[in-house]
Amino acid sequence: MWTRLPSSSLRVTGADRVDFVQGQMTGDLRGAPTPGMVAGVFLNVRGQIEQFTRAYRREKDVYLHLDADQAPALAARLKRYVIFDQVDIQDSTELLATVHVQEDHLLAGWNPDGPAAQQFELAGITALAGRVNRTGTPGVDVHYLRRHEDALLAALPGDEGTLEGLHAARIHAGIPDVVHDGFTGTLLQEIGLDVGGPLPAISYRKGCYVGQEIMARLEARGNARYHLAQLTGENLPERAEVTQGGKVVGQAGQHAAGLSLARLRKELPDGAVVEVGGVVATVRLLTATHA
């Protein structure tokens, strides 16, 4: 099964491209092979999430894959930090499209035992792909030129799935999505993007970047007050405040099939009863099994 992913993207070129992006995001792009891929976050000076990306390091460029409509804001941010850097930042959204293939072993040209990022031929079309866990089981994000879409989609294995089904699977697996869950403006440690989380997107051993001081302080003290959990309940409001006894204890994300992901206070125990926009829900703490 495969699913079209509404996306936007940036292409960064120039002699300083890797070092420049490295100095902006939480992921260790410099430590990735070529080709390689790392998840990362662009933070503000308070350490809060502005954009989530998967950054592909290639021989001649850095490709930043983002959710739909995210590229213009990130491009504007990056351009503010260009001083003497030899980089060129281009919005490639109109040129490129992306699909997610869930059964990676069925994708012709992709090596399931190979590196996380691969470039290969599919139906005579050059595609860039990365191993991405969107459903609890690693699949493949395939990036390709839009002008080749008809031929490439015809070569994909299985039937086309819905975006709604893909999100239902990720919520069940406990995998956050910064944009769809409405987690922009939070700390990455609070929503499962920390080392050991379901979607690790930070290295504590890389050099400086915007927001790095806050991240280092959180690592040293280990005092994030929130974490990622699930809420069970029917028809829960999305991206709404979670309350208990009239006190705000978190925020809910996207809802599907009786489940929502949520950023919740750590002191809430498994099975705690809360309200999401006035609708009763039950807290379900994530475990390794869930993630």
C-alpha atoms as a PDB file:
ATOM      1  CA  MET A   1       0.000   0.000   0.000  1.00  0.00           C
ATOM      2  CA  TRP A   2       1.155   3.536  -0.699  1.00  0.00           C
ATOM      3  CA  THR A   3      -0.156   6.989   0.184  1.00  0.00           C
ATOM      4  CA  ARG A   4       0.388  10.441  -1.295  1.00  0.00           C
ATOM      5  CA  LEU A   5       1.899  12.830   1.239  1.00  0.00           C
ATOM      6  CA  PRO A   6       0.961  16.511   1.013  1.00  0.00           C
ATOM      7  CA  SER A   7       4.422  18.050   1.239  1.00  0.00           C
ATOM      8  CA  SER A   8       6.604  21.062   0.722  1.00  0.00           C
ATOM      9  CA  SER A   9      10.377  21.151   0.376  1.00  0.00           C
ATOM     10  CA  LEU A  10      13.534  23.224   0.151  1.00  0.00           C
ATOM     11  CA  ARG A  11      16.749  22.542  -1.728  1.00  0.00           C
ATOM     12  CA  VAL A  12      19.913  24.040  -0.256  1.00  0.00           C
ATOM     13  CA  THR A  13      22.986  24.212  -2.489  1.00  0.00           C
ATOM     14  CA  GLY A  14      26.412  25.850  -2.279  1.00  0.00           C
ATOM     15  CA  ALA A  15      29.754  25.012  -0.718  1.00  0.00           C
ATOM     16  CA  ASP A  16      28.563  25.676   2.860  1.00  0.00           C
ATOM     17  CA  ARG A  17      25.205  23.883   2.581  1.00  0.00           C
ATOM     18  CA  VAL A  18      25.860  21.094   5.106  1.00  0.00           C
ATOM     19  CA  ASP A  19      27.489  23.304   7.743  1.00  0.00           C
ATOM     20  CA  PHE A  20      24.805  25.955   7.319  1.00  0.00           C
ATOM     21  CA  VAL A  21      21.882  23.566   7.829  1.00  0.00           C
ATOM     22  CA  GLN A  22      23.819  21.811  10.615  1.00  0.00           C
ATOM     23  CA  GLY A  23      23.984  25.122  12.477  1.00  0.00           C
ATOM     24  CA  GLN A  24      20.217  25.571  12.352  1.00  0.00           C
ATOM     25  CA  MET A  25      18.667  22.176  13.161  1.00  0.00           C
ATOM     26  CA  THR A  26      18.747  19.721  16.065  1.00  0.00           C
ATOM     27  CA  GLY A  27      19.671  16.669  13.954  1.00  0.00           C
ATOM     28  CA  ASP A  28      23.297  15.830  13.181  1.00  0.00           C
ATOM     29  CA  LEU A  29      23.361  16.268   9.409  1.00  0.00           C
ATOM     30  CA  ARG A  30      27.148  16.501   9.327  1.00  0.00           C
ATOM     31  CA  GLY A  31      27.339  13.040  10.869  1.00  0.00           C
ATOM     32  CA  ALA A  32      25.123  11.513   8.169  1.00  0.00           C
ATOM     33  CA  PRO A  33      26.626   9.653   5.209  1.00  0.00           C
ATOM     34  CA  THR A  34      26.207  10.801   1.607  1.00  0.00           C
ATOM     35  CA  PRO A  35      23.510  10.009   0.718  1.00  0.00           C
ATOM     36  CA  GLY A  36      21.986  10.089   4.186  1.00  0.00           C
ATOM     37  CA  MET A  37      18.920  11.273   6.037  1.00  0.00           C
ATOM     38  CA  VAL A  38      18.283  12.603   9.548  1.00  0.00           C
ATOM     39  CA  ALA A  39      15.173  13.900  11.273  1.00  0.00           C
ATOM     40  CA  GLY A  40      15.534  17.292  12.888  1.00  0.00           C
ATOM     41  CA  VAL A  41      13.750  20.322  14.235  1.00  0.00           C
ATOM     42  CA  PHE A  42      14.265  24.031  13.715  1.00  0.00           C
ATOM     43  CA  LEU A  43      13.785  25.810  17.053  1.00  0.00           C
ATOM     44  CA  ASN A  44      13.345  29.397  18.149  1.00  0.00           C
ATOM     45  CA  VAL A  45      15.637  30.964  20.749  1.00  0.00           C
ATOM     46  CA  ARG A  46      13.363  29.633  23.538  1.00  0.00           C
ATOM     47  CA  GLY A  47      13.871  26.056  22.319  1.00  0.00           C
ATOM     48  CA  GLN A  48      10.328  25.760  20.965  1.00  0.00           C
ATOM     49  CA  ILE A  49       9.574  23.913  17.730  1.00  0.00           C
ATOM     50  CA  GLU A  50       9.095  25.995  14.597  1.00  0.00           C
ATOM     51  CA  GLN A  51       9.444  23.320  11.867  1.00  0.00           C
ATOM     52  CA  PHE A  52      10.097  19.582  11.707  1.00  0.00           C
ATOM     53  CA  THR A  53      12.048  18.235   8.741  1.00  0.00           C
ATOM     54  CA  ARG A  54      13.722  15.178   7.351  1.00  0.00           C
ATOM     55  CA  ALA A  55      16.986  16.410   5.889  1.00  0.00           C
ATOM     56  CA  TYR A  56      18.600  14.429   3.062  1.00  0.00           C
ATOM     57  CA  ARG A  57      22.316  14.923   2.541  1.00  0.00           C
ATOM     58  CA  ARG A  58      23.257  14.351  -1.087  1.00  0.00           C
ATOM     59  CA  GLU A  59      26.396  14.870  -3.128  1.00  0.00           C
ATOM     60  CA  LYS A  60      25.363  18.264  -4.500  1.00  0.00           C
ATOM     61  CA  ASP A  61      22.606  19.515  -2.208  1.00  0.00           C
ATOM     62  CA  VAL A  62      20.643  19.205   1.024  1.00  0.00           C
ATOM     63  CA  TYR A  63      16.980  18.364   0.492  1.00  0.00           C
ATOM     64  CA  LEU A  64      14.628  19.380   3.309  1.00  0.00           C
ATOM     65  CA  HIS A  65      11.329  17.500   3.230  1.00  0.00           C
ATOM     66  CA  LEU A  66       8.556  19.260   5.151  1.00  0.00           C
ATOM     67  CA  ASP A  67       4.833  19.011   5.654  1.00  0.00           C
ATOM     68  CA  ALA A  68       2.561  20.948   3.307  1.00  0.00           C
ATOM     69  CA  ASP A  69       2.835  24.763   3.428  1.00  0.00           C
ATOM     70  CA  GLN A  70       5.885  24.725   5.737  1.00  0.00           C
ATOM     71  CA  ALA A  71       8.601  25.605   3.204  1.00  0.00           C
ATOM     72  CA  PRO A  72       7.997  29.376   2.837  1.00  0.00           C
ATOM     73  CA  ALA A  73       8.346  30.062   6.570  1.00  0.00           C
ATOM     74  CA  LEU A  74      11.464  27.906   6.861  1.00  0.00           C
ATOM     75  CA  ALA A  75      13.014  29.511   3.770  1.00  0.00           C
ATOM     76  CA  ALA A  76      12.435  32.962   5.247  1.00  0.00           C
ATOM     77  CA  ARG A  77      13.985  31.874   8.544  1.00  0.00           C
ATOM     78  CA  LEU A  78      17.062  30.340   6.914  1.00  0.00           C
ATOM     79  CA  LYS A  79      17.660  33.370   4.708  1.00  0.00           C
ATOM     80  CA  ARG A  80      17.763  35.593   7.803  1.00  0.00           C
ATOM     81  CA  TYR A  81      20.781  33.634   9.022  1.00  0.00           C
ATOM     82  CA  VAL A  82      22.768  33.774   5.779  1.00  0.00           C
ATOM     83  CA  ILE A  83      25.669  36.162   6.347  1.00  0.00           C
ATOM     84  CA  PHE A  84      28.868  35.061   4.634  1.00  0.00           C
ATOM     85  CA  ASP A  85      27.669  31.506   3.978  1.00  0.00           C
ATOM     86  CA  GLN A  86      27.928  30.261   0.415  1.00  0.00           C
ATOM     87  CA  VAL A  87      24.430  28.801   0.161  1.00  0.00           C
ATOM     88  CA  ASP A  88      21.415  29.125  -2.088  1.00  0.00           C
ATOM     89  CA  ILE A  89      17.949  28.273  -0.719  1.00  0.00           C
ATOM     90  CA  GLN A  90      15.272  27.296  -3.234  1.00  0.00           C
ATOM     91  CA  ASP A  91      11.655  26.285  -2.687  1.00  0.00           C
ATOM     92  CA  SER A  92      11.277  23.008  -4.607  1.00  0.00           C
ATOM     93  CA  THR A  93       7.646  22.326  -3.658  1.00  0.00           C
ATOM     94  CA  GLU A  94       6.264  22.818  -7.168  1.00  0.00           C
ATOM     95  CA  LEU A  95       8.860  20.492  -8.689  1.00  0.00           C
ATOM     96  CA  LEU A  96       8.748  17.538  -6.301  1.00  0.00           C
ATOM     97  CA  ALA A  97       6.133  15.247  -4.784  1.00  0.00           C
ATOM     98  CA  THR A  98       6.236  12.447  -2.206  1.00  0.00           C
ATOM     99  CA  VAL A  99       4.488   9.157  -1.497  1.00  0.00           C
ATOM    100  CA  HIS A 100       4.913   6.777   1.437  1.00  0.00           C
ATOM    101  CA  VAL A 101       5.199   3.069   0.641  1.00  0.00           C
ATOM    102  CA  GLN A 102       4.385   0.879   3.642  1.00  0.00           C
ATOM    103  CA  GLU A 103       5.766  -2.450   2.407  1.00  0.00           C
ATOM    104  CA  ASP A 104       9.379  -1.552   1.689  1.00  0.00           C
ATOM    105  CA  HIS A 105      10.365  -5.078   0.608  1.00  0.00           C
ATOM    106  CA  LEU A 106       7.952  -4.826  -2.342  1.00  0.00           C
ATOM    107  CA  LEU A 107       9.396  -1.584  -3.721  1.00  0.00           C
ATOM    108  CA  ALA A 108      11.498  -2.337  -6.797  1.00  0.00           C
ATOM    109  CA  GLY A 109      14.970  -0.808  -6.617  1.00  0.00           C
ATOM    110  CA  TRP A 110      14.867  -0.159  -2.867  1.00  0.00           C
ATOM    111  CA  ASN A 111      17.201  -2.222  -0.687  1.00  0.00           C
ATOM    112  CA  PRO A 112      15.430  -2.969   2.640  1.00  0.00           C
ATOM    113  CA  ASP A 113      18.783  -3.877   4.200  1.00  0.00           C
ATOM    114  CA  GLY A 114      20.562  -0.829   2.782  1.00  0.00           C
ATOM    115  CA  PRO A 115      21.155   2.658   4.172  1.00  0.00           C
ATOM    116  CA  ALA A 116      18.411   4.976   5.443  1.00  0.00           C
ATOM    117  CA  ALA A 117      18.584   7.132   2.297  1.00  0.00           C
ATOM    118  CA  GLN A 118      18.921   5.715  -1.193  1.00  0.00           C
ATOM    119  CA  GLN A 119      18.691   7.001  -4.751  1.00  0.00           C
ATOM    120  CA  PHE A 120      17.536   4.439  -7.298  1.00  0.00           C
ATOM    121  CA  GLU A 121      15.712   3.908 -10.576  1.00  0.00           C
ATOM    122  CA  LEU A 122      12.009   3.037 -10.564  1.00  0.00           C
ATOM    123  CA  ALA A 123      10.327   2.519 -13.944  1.00  0.00           C
ATOM    124  CA  GLY A 124      13.216   4.441 -15.525  1.00  0.00           C
ATOM    125  CA  ILE A 125      12.708   7.373 -13.142  1.00  0.00           C
ATOM    126  CA  THR A 126      15.338   8.541 -10.669  1.00  0.00           C
ATOM    127  CA  ALA A 127      13.840   8.699  -7.184  1.00  0.00           C
ATOM    128  CA  LEU A 128      15.200   9.754  -3.798  1.00  0.00           C
ATOM    129  CA  ALA A 129      13.906   7.682  -0.910  1.00  0.00           C
ATOM    130  CA  GLY A 130      14.290   7.441   2.840  1.00  0.00           C
ATOM    131  CA  ARG A 131      13.383   4.855   5.454  1.00  0.00           C
ATOM    132  CA  VAL A 132      10.630   6.434   7.568  1.00  0.00           C
ATOM    133  CA  ASN A 133       8.446   4.939  10.287  1.00  0.00           C
ATOM    134  CA  ARG A 134       4.983   6.432   9.873  1.00  0.00           C
ATOM    135  CA  THR A 135       2.841   3.478  11.004  1.00  0.00           C
ATOM    136  CA  GLY A 136       4.832   1.558  13.614  1.00  0.00           C
ATOM    137  CA  THR A 137       6.685  -0.369  10.908  1.00  0.00           C
ATOM    138  CA  PRO A 138       9.391   1.332   8.803  1.00  0.00           C
ATOM    139  CA  GLY A 139       8.317   2.116   5.259  1.00  0.00           C
ATOM    140  CA  VAL A 140       9.784   4.308   2.528  1.00  0.00           C
ATOM    141  CA  ASP A 141       9.172   7.942   1.605  1.00  0.00           C
ATOM    142  CA  VAL A 142       9.739   8.243  -2.152  1.00  0.00           C
ATOM    143  CA  HIS A 143      10.464  11.721  -3.573  1.00  0.00           C
ATOM    144  CA  TYR A 144      10.194  12.306  -7.318  1.00  0.00           C
ATOM    145  CA  LEU A 145       9.691  14.988  -9.964  1.00  0.00           C
ATOM    146  CA  ARG A 146       6.016  15.824 -10.410  1.00  0.00           C
ATOM    147  CA  ARG A 147       6.302  15.558 -14.174  1.00  0.00           C
ATOM    148  CA  HIS A 148       7.019  11.835 -13.739  1.00  0.00           C
ATOM    149  CA  GLU A 149       4.105  11.203 -11.386  1.00  0.00           C
ATOM    150  CA  ASP A 150       1.873   9.056 -13.608  1.00  0.00           C
ATOM    151  CA  ALA A 151       4.655   6.633 -14.538  1.00  0.00           C
ATOM    152  CA  LEU A 152       6.064   6.419 -11.028  1.00  0.00           C
ATOM    153  CA  LEU A 153       2.731   5.833  -9.299  1.00  0.00           C
ATOM    154  CA  ALA A 154       1.934   3.084 -11.799  1.00  0.00           C
ATOM    155  CA  ALA A 155       5.126   1.282 -10.730  1.00  0.00           C
ATOM    156  CA  LEU A 156       4.352   1.318  -6.990  1.00  0.00           C
ATOM    157  CA  PRO A 157       3.325  -1.924  -5.252  1.00  0.00           C
ATOM    158  CA  GLY A 158      -0.212  -2.487  -3.985  1.00  0.00           C
ATOM    159  CA  ASP A 159      -3.160  -0.115  -3.873  1.00  0.00           C
ATOM    160  CA  GLU A 160      -3.338   3.547  -2.963  1.00  0.00           C
ATOM    161  CA  GLY A 161      -4.288   4.169   0.643  1.00  0.00           C
ATOM    162  CA  THR A 162      -5.831   7.235   2.208  1.00  0.00           C
ATOM    163  CA  LEU A 163      -4.062   9.887   4.215  1.00  0.00           C
ATOM    164  CA  GLU A 164      -6.684   9.389   6.924  1.00  0.00           C
ATOM    165  CA  GLY A 165      -5.753   5.710   7.168  1.00  0.00           C
ATOM    166  CA  LEU A 166      -2.056   6.550   7.402  1.00  0.00           C
ATOM    167  CA  HIS A 167      -2.691   8.967  10.273  1.00  0.00           C
ATOM    168  CA  ALA A 168      -4.894   6.447  12.064  1.00  0.00           C
ATOM    169  CA  ALA A 169      -2.027   3.940  11.928  1.00  0.00           C
ATOM    170  CA  ARG A 170       0.554   6.410  13.246  1.00  0.00           C
ATOM    171  CA  ILE A 171      -1.700   7.528  16.113  1.00  0.00           C
ATOM    172  CA  HIS A 172      -2.259   3.894  17.085  1.00  0.00           C
ATOM    173  CA  ALA A 173       1.524   3.354  16.965  1.00  0.00           C
ATOM    174  CA  GLY A 174       2.172   6.441  19.094  1.00  0.00           C
ATOM    175  CA  ILE A 175       4.130   8.384  16.478  1.00  0.00           C
ATOM    176  CA  PRO A 176       3.760  12.187  16.669  1.00  0.00           C
ATOM    177  CA  ASP A 177       3.300  14.571  13.754  1.00  0.00           C
ATOM    178  CA  VAL A 178       4.221  18.144  14.654  1.00  0.00           C
ATOM    179  CA  VAL A 179       1.910  19.804  12.128  1.00  0.00           C
ATOM    180  CA  HIS A 180      -1.122  17.497  12.161  1.00  0.00           C
ATOM    181  CA  ASP A 181      -1.096  17.150  15.941  1.00  0.00           C
ATOM    182  CA  GLY A 182      -0.683  20.896  16.398  1.00  0.00           C
ATOM    183  CA  PHE A 183       2.520  20.569  18.430  1.00  0.00           C
ATOM    184  CA  THR A 184       4.317  23.586  16.936  1.00  0.00           C
ATOM    185  CA  GLY A 185       5.558  25.817  19.761  1.00  0.00           C
ATOM    186  CA  THR A 186       6.231  22.953  22.186  1.00  0.00           C
ATOM    187  CA  LEU A 187       9.550  21.504  23.356  1.00  0.00           C
ATOM    188  CA  LEU A 188      10.627  18.438  21.391  1.00  0.00           C
ATOM    189  CA  GLN A 189      11.262  16.486  24.619  1.00  0.00           C
ATOM    190  CA  GLU A 190       7.560  16.878  25.438  1.00  0.00           C
ATOM    191  CA  ILE A 191       6.200  15.160  22.327  1.00  0.00           C
ATOM    192  CA  GLY A 192       8.370  12.107  21.711  1.00  0.00           C
ATOM    193  CA  LEU A 193      11.091  13.680  19.557  1.00  0.00           C
ATOM    194  CA  ASP A 194      13.850  13.165  22.137  1.00  0.00           C
ATOM    195  CA  VAL A 195      16.492  10.439  22.025  1.00  0.00           C
ATOM    196  CA  GLY A 196      14.720   7.169  22.810  1.00  0.00           C
ATOM    197  CA  GLY A 197      11.326   8.563  21.771  1.00  0.00           C
ATOM    198  CA  PRO A 198       9.161   7.214  18.956  1.00  0.00           C
ATOM    199  CA  LEU A 199      10.517   9.880  16.583  1.00  0.00           C
ATOM    200  CA  PRO A 200      14.051  10.881  17.682  1.00  0.00           C
ATOM    201  CA  ALA A 201      15.026  14.194  16.100  1.00  0.00           C
ATOM    202  CA  ILE A 202      17.942  15.539  18.138  1.00  0.00           C
ATOM    203  CA  SER A 203      21.625  14.939  18.798  1.00  0.00           C
ATOM    204  CA  TYR A 204      23.083  16.235  22.071  1.00  0.00           C
ATOM    205  CA  ARG A 205      26.620  15.732  20.775  1.00  0.00           C
ATOM    206  CA  LYS A 206      26.603  18.045  17.773  1.00  0.00           C
ATOM    207  CA  GLY A 207      27.682  21.681  17.605  1.00  0.00           C
ATOM    208  CA  CYS A 208      25.694  24.797  18.389  1.00  0.00           C
ATOM    209  CA  TYR A 209      22.366  25.717  16.771  1.00  0.00           C
ATOM    210  CA  VAL A 210      19.484  28.058  17.518  1.00  0.00           C
ATOM    211  CA  GLY A 211      17.868  26.900  20.783  1.00  0.00           C
ATOM    212  CA  GLN A 212      20.779  24.593  21.683  1.00  0.00           C
ATOM    213  CA  GLU A 213      21.313  26.130  25.128  1.00  0.00           C
ATOM    214  CA  ILE A 214      17.765  25.260  26.180  1.00  0.00           C
ATOM    215  CA  MET A 215      18.156  21.714  24.852  1.00  0.00           C
ATOM    216  CA  ALA A 216      21.414  21.222  26.766  1.00  0.00           C
ATOM    217  CA  ARG A 217      19.799  22.499  29.958  1.00  0.00           C
ATOM    218  CA  LEU A 218      16.894  20.098  29.579  1.00  0.00           C
ATOM    219  CA  GLU A 219      19.255  17.186  28.938  1.00  0.00           C
ATOM    220  CA  ALA A 220      21.305  18.020  32.036  1.00  0.00           C
ATOM    221  CA  ARG A 221      18.326  18.507  34.349  1.00  0.00           C
ATOM    222  CA  GLY A 222      15.910  16.055  32.748  1.00  0.00           C
ATOM    223  CA  ASN A 223      13.036  18.262  33.850  1.00  0.00           C
ATOM    224  CA  ALA A 224      10.573  18.412  30.953  1.00  0.00           C
ATOM    225  CA  ARG A 225       7.180  18.519  32.636  1.00  0.00           C
ATOM    226  CA  TYR A 226       5.225  16.984  29.770  1.00  0.00           C
ATOM    227  CA  HIS A 227       5.499  13.837  27.681  1.00  0.00           C
ATOM    228  CA  LEU A 228       3.720  12.149  24.786  1.00  0.00           C
ATOM    229  CA  ALA A 229       0.752   9.922  25.643  1.00  0.00           C
ATOM    230  CA  GLN A 230      -2.471   8.681  24.089  1.00  0.00           C
ATOM    231  CA  LEU A 231      -6.067   9.501  24.919  1.00  0.00           C
ATOM    232  CA  THR A 232      -8.893   7.056  24.371  1.00  0.00           C
ATOM    233  CA  GLY A 233     -12.421   8.258  23.736  1.00  0.00           C
ATOM    234  CA  GLU A 234     -14.902   8.780  20.960  1.00  0.00           C
ATOM    235  CA  ASN A 235     -15.022  11.927  18.825  1.00  0.00           C
ATOM    236  CA  LEU A 236     -12.397  13.773  20.842  1.00  0.00           C
ATOM    237  CA  PRO A 237     -11.821  17.366  19.718  1.00  0.00           C
ATOM    238  CA  GLU A 238      -8.524  17.820  17.896  1.00  0.00           C
ATOM    239  CA  ARG A 239      -5.751  20.225  18.893  1.00  0.00           C
ATOM    240  CA  ALA A 240      -7.723  21.160  22.012  1.00  0.00           C
ATOM    241  CA  GLU A 241      -6.824  21.740  25.650  1.00  0.00           C
ATOM    242  CA  VAL A 242      -6.858  18.743  27.974  1.00  0.00           C
ATOM    243  CA  THR A 243      -8.171  19.518  31.458  1.00  0.00           C
ATOM    244  CA  GLN A 244      -8.646  17.739  34.759  1.00  0.00           C
ATOM    245  CA  GLY A 245     -10.659  19.307  37.549  1.00  0.00           C
ATOM    246  CA  GLY A 246     -10.728  22.583  35.627  1.00  0.00           C
ATOM    247  CA  LYS A 247      -6.922  22.709  35.341  1.00  0.00           C
ATOM    248  CA  VAL A 248      -5.163  22.558  31.973  1.00  0.00           C
ATOM    249  CA  VAL A 249      -2.918  19.477  31.934  1.00  0.00           C
ATOM    250  CA  GLY A 250      -1.996  19.249  28.256  1.00  0.00           C
ATOM    251  CA  GLN A 251      -3.140  19.443  24.681  1.00  0.00           C
ATOM    252  CA  ALA A 252      -4.631  16.852  22.353  1.00  0.00           C
ATOM    253  CA  GLY A 253      -3.497  16.212  18.802  1.00  0.00           C
ATOM    254  CA  GLN A 254      -5.168  14.571  15.843  1.00  0.00           C
ATOM    255  CA  HIS A 255      -7.941  12.013  16.516  1.00  0.00           C
ATOM    256  CA  ALA A 256      -8.679   8.758  14.686  1.00  0.00           C
ATOM    257  CA  ALA A 257     -10.425   5.493  15.507  1.00  0.00           C
ATOM    258  CA  GLY A 258     -11.020   6.330  19.159  1.00  0.00           C
ATOM    259  CA  LEU A 259      -7.463   7.517  19.852  1.00  0.00           C
ATOM    260  CA  SER A 260      -5.600  10.796  20.033  1.00  0.00           C
ATOM    261  CA  LEU A 261      -1.996  11.609  20.746  1.00  0.00           C
ATOM    262  CA  ALA A 262      -1.485  14.240  23.429  1.00  0.00           C
ATOM    263  CA  ARG A 263       1.156  16.279  25.206  1.00  0.00           C
ATOM    264  CA  LEU A 264       0.312  15.638  28.854  1.00  0.00           C
ATOM    265  CA  ARG A 265       1.660  16.415  32.315  1.00  0.00           C
ATOM    266  CA  LYS A 266       3.904  13.576  33.458  1.00  0.00           C
ATOM    267  CA  GLU A 267       2.160  13.194  36.802  1.00  0.00           C
ATOM    268  CA  LEU A 268      -1.046  11.943  35.157  1.00  0.00           C
ATOM    269  CA  PRO A 269      -1.151   8.154  35.686  1.00  0.00           C
ATOM    270  CA  ASP A 270      -2.223   5.520  33.199  1.00  0.00           C
ATOM    271  CA  GLY A 271      -6.020   5.346  33.251  1.00  0.00           C
ATOM    272  CA  ALA A 272      -6.519   8.901  34.499  1.00  0.00           C
ATOM    273  CA  VAL A 273      -9.788  10.492  33.407  1.00  0.00           C
ATOM    274  CA  VAL A 274      -9.530  13.898  31.732  1.00  0.00           C
ATOM    275  CA  GLU A 275     -11.595  16.104  29.454  1.00  0.00           C
ATOM    276  CA  VAL A 276     -10.795  17.285  25.944  1.00  0.00           C
ATOM    277  CA  GLY A 277     -12.944  20.275  25.086  1.00  0.00           C
ATOM    278  CA  GLY A 278     -15.551  18.978  27.505  1.00  0.00           C
ATOM    279  CA  VAL A 279     -15.465  15.390  26.156  1.00  0.00           C
ATOM    280  CA  VAL A 280     -14.363  12.682  28.595  1.00  0.00           C
ATOM    281  CA  ALA A 281     -11.200  10.746  27.714  1.00  0.00           C
ATOM    282  CA  THR A 282      -8.851   8.276  29.399  1.00  0.00           C
ATOM    283  CA  VAL A 283      -5.068   8.580  29.543  1.00  0.00           C
ATOM    284  CA  ARG A 284      -3.050   5.734  28.059  1.00  0.00           C
ATOM    285  CA  LEU A 285       0.671   5.931  28.710  1.00  0.00           C
ATOM    286  CA  LEU A 286       2.879   4.934  25.808  1.00  0.00           C
ATOM    287  CA  THR A 287       5.162   1.946  26.187  1.00  0.00           C
ATOM    288  CA  ALA A 288       7.757   0.384  23.917  1.00  0.00           C
ATOM    289  CA  THR A 289       4.968  -1.854  22.628  1.00  0.00           C
ATOM    290  CA  HIS A 290       2.828   1.094  21.638  1.00  0.00           C
ATOM    291  CA  ALA A 291       5.662   2.980  19.942  1.00  0.00           C
END
